[in-house]
Amino acid sequence: MQAIHTKYIPASNVKGSRIKATSDSKLSVTISYPHEFSGHLVHFEAVKALVAKHKLNWDISNMCYGGSSDGKGYTFVFCDSKV
């Protein structure tokens, strides 16, 4: 199962706030914070950007997600496996 972890990166003196998405296989992308969205949808935009950037043939339309342990992002997973 592949997981995608997202993280909020606060603004610096040079760049605005961003969201970084990283897959378990170490693929990553960083996007500008999409202010038109809120909550988990902000982070899902980074997931979509990761899939597009790396031309991954992943169906992300039914991903499950939960908050990260550090409170700075989310973890998105494919819902193939159930407990």
N, C-alpha and C. Protein backbone atom coordinates (compact mmCIF):
# COMPACT_ATOMS: atom_id res chain seq x y z
N MET A 1 0.84 -1.17 0.00
CA MET A 1 0.00 0.00 0.00
C MET A 1 0.90 1.24 0.00
N GLN A 2 0.55 2.18 -0.80
CA GLN A 2 1.29 3.44 -0.91
C GLN A 2 0.59 4.52 -0.08
N ALA A 3 1.33 5.23 0.72
CA ALA A 3 0.79 6.35 1.48
C ALA A 3 1.44 7.63 0.99
N ILE A 4 0.69 8.71 1.07
CA ILE A 4 1.21 10.03 0.71
C ILE A 4 1.04 10.92 1.93
N HIS A 5 2.14 11.49 2.38
CA HIS A 5 2.15 12.34 3.56
C HIS A 5 2.26 13.80 3.11
N THR A 6 1.45 14.66 3.70
CA THR A 6 1.51 16.08 3.37
C THR A 6 1.92 16.86 4.61
N LYS A 7 2.47 18.05 4.35
CA LYS A 7 2.96 18.87 5.45
C LYS A 7 2.83 20.34 5.08
N TYR A 8 2.35 21.14 6.02
CA TYR A 8 2.28 22.58 5.85
C TYR A 8 3.65 23.17 6.11
N ILE A 9 4.11 24.05 5.20
CA ILE A 9 5.38 24.75 5.37
C ILE A 9 5.04 26.24 5.48
N PRO A 10 5.34 26.86 6.63
CA PRO A 10 4.98 28.27 6.80
C PRO A 10 5.79 29.19 5.88
N ALA A 11 5.28 30.38 5.69
CA ALA A 11 5.95 31.38 4.85
C ALA A 11 7.30 31.76 5.44
N SER A 12 8.21 32.11 4.55
CA SER A 12 9.52 32.62 4.97
C SER A 12 9.65 34.04 4.44
N ASN A 13 10.82 34.63 4.58
CA ASN A 13 11.06 35.97 4.03
C ASN A 13 11.07 35.98 2.52
N VAL A 14 11.27 34.80 1.91
CA VAL A 14 11.41 34.70 0.46
C VAL A 14 10.20 34.06 -0.22
N LYS A 15 9.62 33.04 0.42
CA LYS A 15 8.52 32.29 -0.19
C LYS A 15 7.28 32.34 0.69
N GLY A 16 6.12 32.25 0.02
CA GLY A 16 4.86 32.16 0.75
C GLY A 16 4.67 30.78 1.34
N SER A 17 3.59 30.59 2.07
CA SER A 17 3.32 29.29 2.66
C SER A 17 3.07 28.25 1.57
N ARG A 18 3.42 27.00 1.89
CA ARG A 18 3.36 25.92 0.91
C ARG A 18 2.87 24.64 1.55
N ILE A 19 2.55 23.68 0.70
CA ILE A 19 2.22 22.33 1.13
C ILE A 19 3.15 21.37 0.38
N LYS A 20 3.77 20.47 1.13
CA LYS A 20 4.64 19.47 0.51
C LYS A 20 3.98 18.10 0.64
N ALA A 21 3.96 17.35 -0.44
CA ALA A 21 3.45 15.97 -0.45
C ALA A 21 4.61 15.04 -0.78
N THR A 22 4.75 13.97 0.00
CA THR A 22 5.81 12.99 -0.21
C THR A 22 5.20 11.59 -0.14
N SER A 23 5.53 10.76 -1.12
CA SER A 23 5.04 9.38 -1.12
C SER A 23 6.01 8.50 -0.34
N ASP A 24 5.56 7.30 0.00
CA ASP A 24 6.44 6.34 0.67
C ASP A 24 7.64 5.98 -0.19
N SER A 25 7.49 6.10 -1.50
CA SER A 25 8.60 5.80 -2.41
C SER A 25 9.49 7.02 -2.65
N LYS A 26 9.33 8.05 -1.82
CA LYS A 26 10.18 9.25 -1.80
C LYS A 26 9.97 10.20 -2.97
N LEU A 27 8.87 10.06 -3.71
CA LEU A 27 8.53 11.07 -4.71
C LEU A 27 7.94 12.25 -3.95
N SER A 28 8.21 13.47 -4.42
CA SER A 28 7.66 14.61 -3.70
C SER A 28 7.37 15.78 -4.64
N VAL A 29 6.55 16.68 -4.13
CA VAL A 29 6.22 17.91 -4.82
C VAL A 29 5.86 18.94 -3.75
N THR A 30 6.16 20.20 -4.01
CA THR A 30 5.78 21.29 -3.12
C THR A 30 4.98 22.29 -3.94
N ILE A 31 3.82 22.67 -3.41
CA ILE A 31 2.95 23.63 -4.11
C ILE A 31 2.73 24.85 -3.24
N SER A 32 2.40 25.96 -3.88
CA SER A 32 1.98 27.14 -3.14
C SER A 32 0.67 26.83 -2.43
N TYR A 33 0.48 27.43 -1.28
CA TYR A 33 -0.74 27.18 -0.50
C TYR A 33 -1.95 27.61 -1.32
N PRO A 34 -2.87 26.69 -1.61
CA PRO A 34 -4.06 27.03 -2.41
C PRO A 34 -5.15 27.64 -1.51
N HIS A 35 -5.18 28.95 -1.40
CA HIS A 35 -6.09 29.64 -0.48
C HIS A 35 -7.56 29.47 -0.82
N GLU A 36 -7.87 29.00 -2.02
CA GLU A 36 -9.27 28.80 -2.39
C GLU A 36 -9.88 27.56 -1.73
N PHE A 37 -9.06 26.75 -1.08
CA PHE A 37 -9.52 25.54 -0.40
C PHE A 37 -9.26 25.67 1.10
N SER A 38 -9.84 24.76 1.88
CA SER A 38 -9.58 24.76 3.31
C SER A 38 -9.46 23.32 3.80
N GLY A 39 -8.91 23.17 4.99
CA GLY A 39 -8.78 21.86 5.63
C GLY A 39 -8.02 20.85 4.80
N HIS A 40 -8.54 19.63 4.78
CA HIS A 40 -7.84 18.54 4.08
C HIS A 40 -7.79 18.76 2.58
N LEU A 41 -8.70 19.57 2.02
CA LEU A 41 -8.69 19.81 0.58
C LEU A 41 -7.44 20.57 0.13
N VAL A 42 -6.91 21.41 1.00
CA VAL A 42 -5.64 22.10 0.71
C VAL A 42 -4.55 21.05 0.48
N HIS A 43 -4.51 20.06 1.35
CA HIS A 43 -3.49 19.03 1.28
C HIS A 43 -3.75 18.06 0.12
N PHE A 44 -5.02 17.82 -0.18
CA PHE A 44 -5.34 16.95 -1.31
C PHE A 44 -4.89 17.57 -2.64
N GLU A 45 -4.86 18.90 -2.72
CA GLU A 45 -4.33 19.56 -3.92
C GLU A 45 -2.87 19.19 -4.13
N ALA A 46 -2.11 19.06 -3.04
CA ALA A 46 -0.71 18.65 -3.14
C ALA A 46 -0.61 17.19 -3.59
N VAL A 47 -1.53 16.35 -3.12
CA VAL A 47 -1.56 14.95 -3.57
C VAL A 47 -1.80 14.90 -5.08
N LYS A 48 -2.76 15.67 -5.55
CA LYS A 48 -3.05 15.71 -6.99
C LYS A 48 -1.84 16.21 -7.78
N ALA A 49 -1.14 17.20 -7.25
CA ALA A 49 0.06 17.72 -7.92
C ALA A 49 1.17 16.68 -7.97
N LEU A 50 1.31 15.89 -6.91
CA LEU A 50 2.32 14.83 -6.88
C LEU A 50 2.05 13.81 -7.97
N VAL A 51 0.80 13.37 -8.08
CA VAL A 51 0.42 12.38 -9.09
C VAL A 51 0.65 12.94 -10.50
N ALA A 52 0.30 14.20 -10.71
CA ALA A 52 0.48 14.82 -12.04
C ALA A 52 1.96 15.00 -12.38
N LYS A 53 2.74 15.52 -11.43
CA LYS A 53 4.17 15.78 -11.68
C LYS A 53 4.91 14.51 -12.08
N HIS A 54 4.62 13.43 -11.39
CA HIS A 54 5.37 12.19 -11.62
C HIS A 54 4.64 11.23 -12.58
N LYS A 55 3.55 11.73 -13.20
CA LYS A 55 2.80 10.96 -14.19
C LYS A 55 2.44 9.57 -13.67
N LEU A 56 1.93 9.54 -12.45
CA LEU A 56 1.56 8.28 -11.81
C LEU A 56 0.15 7.87 -12.26
N ASN A 57 -0.02 6.63 -12.53
CA ASN A 57 -1.32 6.10 -12.95
C ASN A 57 -2.07 5.59 -11.73
N TRP A 58 -2.36 6.50 -10.79
CA TRP A 58 -3.03 6.16 -9.55
C TRP A 58 -4.43 6.77 -9.56
N ASP A 59 -5.42 5.99 -9.18
CA ASP A 59 -6.77 6.50 -9.02
C ASP A 59 -6.90 7.03 -7.59
N ILE A 60 -6.82 8.33 -7.44
CA ILE A 60 -6.85 8.96 -6.12
C ILE A 60 -8.25 9.44 -5.74
N SER A 61 -9.25 9.08 -6.53
CA SER A 61 -10.60 9.60 -6.32
C SER A 61 -11.26 9.10 -5.03
N ASN A 62 -10.82 7.99 -4.50
CA ASN A 62 -11.44 7.44 -3.28
C ASN A 62 -10.43 7.21 -2.17
N MET A 63 -9.46 8.10 -2.04
CA MET A 63 -8.46 7.94 -1.00
C MET A 63 -9.07 8.22 0.37
N CYS A 64 -8.52 7.57 1.37
CA CYS A 64 -8.87 7.85 2.76
C CYS A 64 -7.76 8.73 3.34
N TYR A 65 -8.07 9.48 4.38
CA TYR A 65 -7.05 10.34 4.96
C TYR A 65 -7.26 10.47 6.46
N GLY A 66 -6.21 10.89 7.11
CA GLY A 66 -6.26 11.16 8.54
C GLY A 66 -5.19 12.16 8.89
N GLY A 67 -5.33 12.81 10.02
CA GLY A 67 -4.35 13.79 10.45
C GLY A 67 -3.02 13.15 10.79
N SER A 68 -1.95 13.90 10.59
CA SER A 68 -0.63 13.38 10.92
C SER A 68 -0.37 13.52 12.41
N SER A 69 0.56 12.73 12.91
CA SER A 69 0.84 12.74 14.35
C SER A 69 1.45 14.06 14.82
N ASP A 70 2.12 14.79 13.92
CA ASP A 70 2.71 16.06 14.32
C ASP A 70 1.73 17.23 14.18
N GLY A 71 0.54 16.96 13.63
CA GLY A 71 -0.47 18.00 13.50
C GLY A 71 -0.22 19.01 12.40
N LYS A 72 0.77 18.75 11.54
CA LYS A 72 1.13 19.69 10.48
C LYS A 72 0.65 19.29 9.10
N GLY A 73 -0.08 18.17 9.00
CA GLY A 73 -0.52 17.72 7.69
C GLY A 73 -1.45 16.53 7.80
N TYR A 74 -1.47 15.77 6.72
CA TYR A 74 -2.36 14.61 6.63
C TYR A 74 -1.59 13.46 5.99
N THR A 75 -2.12 12.26 6.18
CA THR A 75 -1.65 11.09 5.47
C THR A 75 -2.81 10.55 4.66
N PHE A 76 -2.59 10.39 3.36
CA PHE A 76 -3.60 9.88 2.44
C PHE A 76 -3.19 8.47 2.04
N VAL A 77 -4.16 7.56 2.05
CA VAL A 77 -3.88 6.16 1.69
C VAL A 77 -4.98 5.66 0.77
N PHE A 78 -4.66 4.63 0.03
CA PHE A 78 -5.65 3.95 -0.80
C PHE A 78 -6.42 2.99 0.11
N CYS A 79 -7.70 2.95 -0.03
CA CYS A 79 -8.57 2.18 0.89
C CYS A 79 -8.73 0.74 0.45
N ASP A 80 -7.68 0.11 -0.06
CA ASP A 80 -7.75 -1.26 -0.52
C ASP A 80 -7.81 -2.24 0.64
N SER A 81 -7.12 -1.93 1.72
CA SER A 81 -7.05 -2.83 2.85
C SER A 81 -7.95 -2.34 3.97
N LYS A 82 -8.65 -3.25 4.58
CA LYS A 82 -9.54 -2.92 5.69
C LYS A 82 -9.13 -3.76 6.90
N VAL A 83 -9.34 -3.21 8.08
CA VAL A 83 -9.03 -3.92 9.33
C VAL A 83 -10.17 -4.86 9.64
